[in-house]
Amino acid sequence: MNTEFPATDLVILAGGQARRMNGVNKLLQQFDDQIQLSKICQRFKPEVQQLWVNSHRDNSIYKRIEPNIQCYADDQTGFLGPLMGMKSAWSHVQSDYVLFVPCDVTYIPAQVLSRLHRTIQKNSQASAVYVTINGDALYPFCLLKRASLAVLEQQIAANRLSLRDCFKQLHAQTVAFQKQSLFCHSINSMDELQQYQQMKAFRQIFISN
């Protein structure tokens, strides 16, 4: 485990219905050379205390792939989105910081966790910091302090489920990354997945020639 920053757990957010993916579990899909679960876990395993999946299905499959992973479902049923997955995490994790990563992310920047920690430490009011890639806000790709829980609970109780609005109340900071020739930073539909894989194949052909 990395000692450069405070103890942090990783939570992969995979609690949605994946309606635009025809119900397919995105975390078990292979966007690149590895399935998403393996790609995300292997990237962060050396840096975090514990690996978690926020999901309502396929827990036994996750554990076959990553034996040390822990799983939890949303505190409330109804698929209320990533805000509920984040709020529910604090009933399970031991660390006072959680790195949340969306299950459909295609690009994981280098040193992302250390940069998120450095940014949140610089602002004592901030209880959240999130990633932007090529100017696009990836609110579910974020680092939260345990102190964020009260605001998460208030927003959910009021049925205000927007991460953007919630993060404003948490005085959220941002960490910006750039990635040339990135077709999309996350996959939201089967069409996007097909286009993403086609673009990757074209680039590989172009590079090899």
Protein backbone atom coordinates (compact mmCIF):
# COMPACT_ATOMS: atom_id res chain seq x y z
CA MET A 1 0.00 0.00 0.00
CA ASN A 2 1.19 3.51 -0.83
CA THR A 3 2.24 5.65 2.16
CA GLU A 4 2.47 8.88 0.18
CA PHE A 5 -1.09 9.84 1.17
CA PRO A 6 -3.71 8.82 3.79
CA ALA A 7 -5.21 5.34 3.75
CA THR A 8 -7.76 5.13 0.94
CA ASP A 9 -10.23 2.48 -0.22
CA LEU A 10 -11.23 1.99 -3.86
CA VAL A 11 -14.91 1.68 -4.81
CA ILE A 12 -15.86 0.78 -8.37
CA LEU A 13 -19.31 2.16 -9.09
CA ALA A 14 -21.27 -0.54 -10.94
CA GLY A 15 -24.70 -0.22 -9.39
CA GLY A 16 -26.67 0.99 -12.39
CA GLN A 17 -29.05 -0.85 -14.69
CA ALA A 18 -26.93 -0.32 -17.84
CA ARG A 19 -30.11 0.31 -19.83
CA ARG A 20 -28.21 1.76 -22.79
CA MET A 21 -26.00 -1.35 -22.76
CA ASN A 22 -29.06 -3.64 -22.98
CA GLY A 23 -28.56 -4.59 -19.33
CA VAL A 24 -25.02 -5.91 -19.90
CA ASN A 25 -22.75 -5.63 -16.85
CA LYS A 26 -20.17 -3.11 -18.04
CA LEU A 27 -17.69 -4.07 -15.32
CA LEU A 28 -17.38 -7.55 -16.86
CA GLN A 29 -16.88 -6.30 -20.43
CA GLN A 30 -13.55 -6.09 -22.21
CA PHE A 31 -13.20 -2.60 -23.62
CA ASP A 32 -9.43 -2.92 -24.04
CA ASP A 33 -6.98 -5.79 -23.43
CA GLN A 34 -8.52 -6.67 -20.04
CA ILE A 35 -12.01 -6.79 -18.63
CA GLN A 36 -12.87 -3.61 -16.79
CA LEU A 37 -12.79 -5.16 -13.30
CA SER A 38 -9.24 -6.44 -13.76
CA LYS A 39 -8.04 -3.26 -15.44
CA ILE A 40 -9.26 -1.00 -12.64
CA CYS A 41 -8.24 -3.28 -9.76
CA GLN A 42 -4.75 -3.94 -11.06
CA ARG A 43 -4.18 -0.25 -11.65
CA PHE A 44 -5.02 0.76 -8.07
CA LYS A 45 -4.26 -2.34 -6.01
CA PRO A 46 -0.76 -1.14 -4.96
CA GLU A 47 -2.16 2.20 -3.75
CA VAL A 48 -5.30 1.38 -1.76
CA GLN A 49 -6.27 -0.43 1.43
CA GLN A 50 -9.26 -2.38 0.14
CA LEU A 51 -11.02 -2.98 -3.17
CA TRP A 52 -14.82 -2.69 -3.31
CA VAL A 53 -17.56 -2.97 -5.93
CA ASN A 54 -20.85 -1.14 -5.49
CA SER A 55 -23.15 -3.51 -7.37
CA HIS A 56 -26.44 -5.37 -7.12
CA ARG A 57 -25.37 -8.46 -9.07
CA ASP A 58 -22.59 -10.86 -10.10
CA ASN A 59 -20.72 -10.71 -6.78
CA SER A 60 -19.56 -14.32 -7.10
CA ILE A 61 -18.09 -13.55 -10.54
CA TYR A 62 -16.23 -10.50 -9.20
CA LYS A 63 -14.72 -12.63 -6.44
CA ARG A 64 -13.58 -15.30 -8.87
CA ILE A 65 -11.74 -12.64 -10.85
CA GLU A 66 -10.45 -10.64 -7.84
CA PRO A 67 -10.59 -12.90 -4.75
CA ASN A 68 -9.87 -10.05 -2.29
CA ILE A 69 -12.60 -7.74 -3.53
CA GLN A 70 -15.55 -6.86 -1.28
CA CYS A 71 -19.04 -6.03 -2.55
CA TYR A 72 -21.93 -3.92 -1.29
CA ALA A 73 -25.31 -2.90 -2.70
CA ASP A 74 -27.00 0.50 -2.41
CA ASP A 75 -28.60 1.25 0.96
CA GLN A 76 -31.89 1.90 -0.85
CA THR A 77 -33.38 0.09 -3.82
CA GLY A 78 -34.54 1.88 -6.92
CA PHE A 79 -31.28 2.59 -8.80
CA LEU A 80 -30.82 6.13 -7.51
CA GLY A 81 -27.50 6.64 -9.25
CA PRO A 82 -23.86 7.15 -8.23
CA LEU A 83 -24.73 9.51 -5.36
CA MET A 84 -26.46 6.61 -3.59
CA GLY A 85 -23.49 4.33 -4.29
CA MET A 86 -21.16 6.90 -2.72
CA LYS A 87 -23.37 7.47 0.32
CA SER A 88 -23.73 3.71 0.86
CA ALA A 89 -19.96 3.20 0.81
CA TRP A 90 -19.43 4.87 4.16
CA SER A 91 -21.36 2.09 5.94
CA HIS A 92 -18.72 -0.39 4.79
CA VAL A 93 -15.28 1.14 4.23
CA GLN A 94 -12.80 1.59 7.06
CA SER A 95 -10.68 4.33 5.49
CA ASP A 96 -11.55 8.01 5.80
CA TYR A 97 -10.95 8.52 2.08
CA VAL A 98 -12.54 6.69 -0.84
CA LEU A 99 -11.50 6.80 -4.48
CA PHE A 100 -14.60 6.22 -6.60
CA VAL A 101 -14.11 5.00 -10.16
CA PRO A 102 -16.94 4.48 -12.67
CA CYS A 103 -17.04 0.96 -14.07
CA ASP A 104 -17.12 2.21 -17.67
CA VAL A 105 -14.01 4.41 -17.63
CA THR A 106 -11.70 3.87 -20.60
CA TYR A 107 -8.71 5.99 -19.57
CA ILE A 108 -7.07 5.95 -16.14
CA PRO A 109 -4.49 8.75 -15.93
CA ALA A 110 -1.08 8.17 -14.40
CA GLN A 111 -0.68 9.31 -10.77
CA VAL A 112 -4.37 10.16 -10.58
CA LEU A 113 -4.81 9.15 -6.93
CA SER A 114 -1.78 11.03 -5.67
CA ARG A 115 -2.83 14.14 -7.59
CA LEU A 116 -6.36 13.96 -6.20
CA HIS A 117 -4.96 13.69 -2.67
CA ARG A 118 -2.56 16.60 -3.13
CA THR A 119 -5.39 18.77 -4.44
CA ILE A 120 -7.84 17.98 -1.64
CA GLN A 121 -5.16 18.59 1.00
CA LYS A 122 -4.60 22.10 -0.33
CA ASN A 123 -8.19 23.19 0.39
CA SER A 124 -9.37 22.60 3.95
CA GLN A 125 -13.02 23.26 3.01
CA ALA A 126 -13.08 20.66 0.24
CA SER A 127 -14.53 17.22 0.93
CA ALA A 128 -14.40 16.15 -2.72
CA VAL A 129 -12.13 16.38 -5.74
CA TYR A 130 -12.96 14.99 -9.17
CA VAL A 131 -11.26 14.28 -12.48
CA THR A 132 -11.69 16.19 -15.71
CA ILE A 133 -10.41 14.73 -18.98
CA ASN A 134 -9.99 16.96 -22.02
CA GLY A 135 -12.23 19.49 -20.28
CA ASP A 136 -15.07 17.05 -19.54
CA ALA A 137 -16.06 16.61 -15.88
CA LEU A 138 -16.10 12.98 -14.72
CA TYR A 139 -17.91 13.53 -11.44
CA PRO A 140 -18.06 9.79 -10.54
CA PHE A 141 -14.23 9.58 -10.87
CA CYS A 142 -13.49 11.30 -7.60
CA LEU A 143 -11.93 11.24 -4.15
CA LEU A 144 -14.23 11.88 -1.17
CA LYS A 145 -13.56 12.42 2.52
CA ARG A 146 -15.74 10.73 5.12
CA ALA A 147 -16.85 14.26 6.08
CA SER A 148 -18.85 14.33 2.83
CA LEU A 149 -21.41 11.86 4.22
CA ALA A 150 -23.72 14.40 5.87
CA VAL A 151 -24.16 16.34 2.62
CA LEU A 152 -24.68 13.13 0.62
CA GLU A 153 -27.42 12.09 3.04
CA GLN A 154 -29.10 15.51 2.88
CA GLN A 155 -29.11 15.53 -0.92
CA ILE A 156 -30.57 12.04 -1.15
CA ALA A 157 -33.22 12.78 1.48
CA ALA A 158 -34.30 15.78 -0.61
CA ASN A 159 -34.23 13.65 -3.80
CA ARG A 160 -31.52 15.86 -5.28
CA LEU A 161 -29.34 13.25 -6.94
CA SER A 162 -27.12 15.40 -9.15
CA LEU A 163 -23.42 14.85 -8.43
CA ARG A 164 -22.59 18.26 -9.84
CA ASP A 165 -24.94 20.05 -7.44
CA CYS A 166 -23.84 17.93 -4.49
CA PHE A 167 -20.16 18.53 -5.21
CA LYS A 168 -20.72 22.29 -5.20
CA GLN A 169 -21.82 21.97 -1.57
CA LEU A 170 -18.73 19.89 -0.84
CA HIS A 171 -16.50 22.70 -2.21
CA ALA A 172 -15.20 20.20 -4.74
CA GLN A 173 -11.88 20.80 -6.46
CA THR A 174 -10.82 19.43 -9.84
CA VAL A 175 -7.74 17.75 -11.27
CA ALA A 176 -7.40 18.17 -15.02
CA PHE A 177 -5.92 15.60 -17.39
CA GLN A 178 -5.42 15.69 -21.14
CA LYS A 179 -5.31 12.69 -23.45
CA GLN A 180 -4.76 13.08 -27.17
CA SER A 181 -6.76 10.89 -29.56
CA LEU A 182 -9.11 9.76 -26.79
CA PHE A 183 -12.36 8.77 -28.49
CA CYS A 184 -14.39 8.72 -25.26
CA HIS A 185 -13.51 8.64 -21.57
CA SER A 186 -16.38 6.28 -20.68
CA ILE A 187 -18.66 3.85 -22.49
CA ASN A 188 -22.41 4.39 -22.17
CA SER A 189 -23.89 2.28 -24.94
CA MET A 190 -23.18 -0.68 -27.19
CA ASP A 191 -22.76 1.75 -30.09
CA GLU A 192 -20.10 3.68 -28.19
CA LEU A 193 -18.30 0.45 -27.31
CA GLN A 194 -18.28 -0.63 -30.97
CA GLN A 195 -17.03 2.79 -32.10
CA TYR A 196 -14.37 2.86 -29.37
CA GLN A 197 -13.03 -0.55 -30.36
CA GLN A 198 -13.08 0.36 -34.05
CA MET A 199 -11.13 3.56 -33.38
CA LYS A 200 -8.58 1.60 -31.35
CA ALA A 201 -8.19 -0.91 -34.18
CA PHE A 202 -7.73 1.88 -36.74
CA ARG A 203 -5.07 3.56 -34.59
CA GLN A 204 -3.17 0.30 -34.17
CA ILE A 205 -3.21 -0.28 -37.93
CA PHE A 206 -2.06 3.30 -38.52
CA ILE A 207 0.77 2.98 -35.98
CA SER A 208 1.92 -0.38 -37.35
CA ASN A 209 2.11 1.07 -40.86
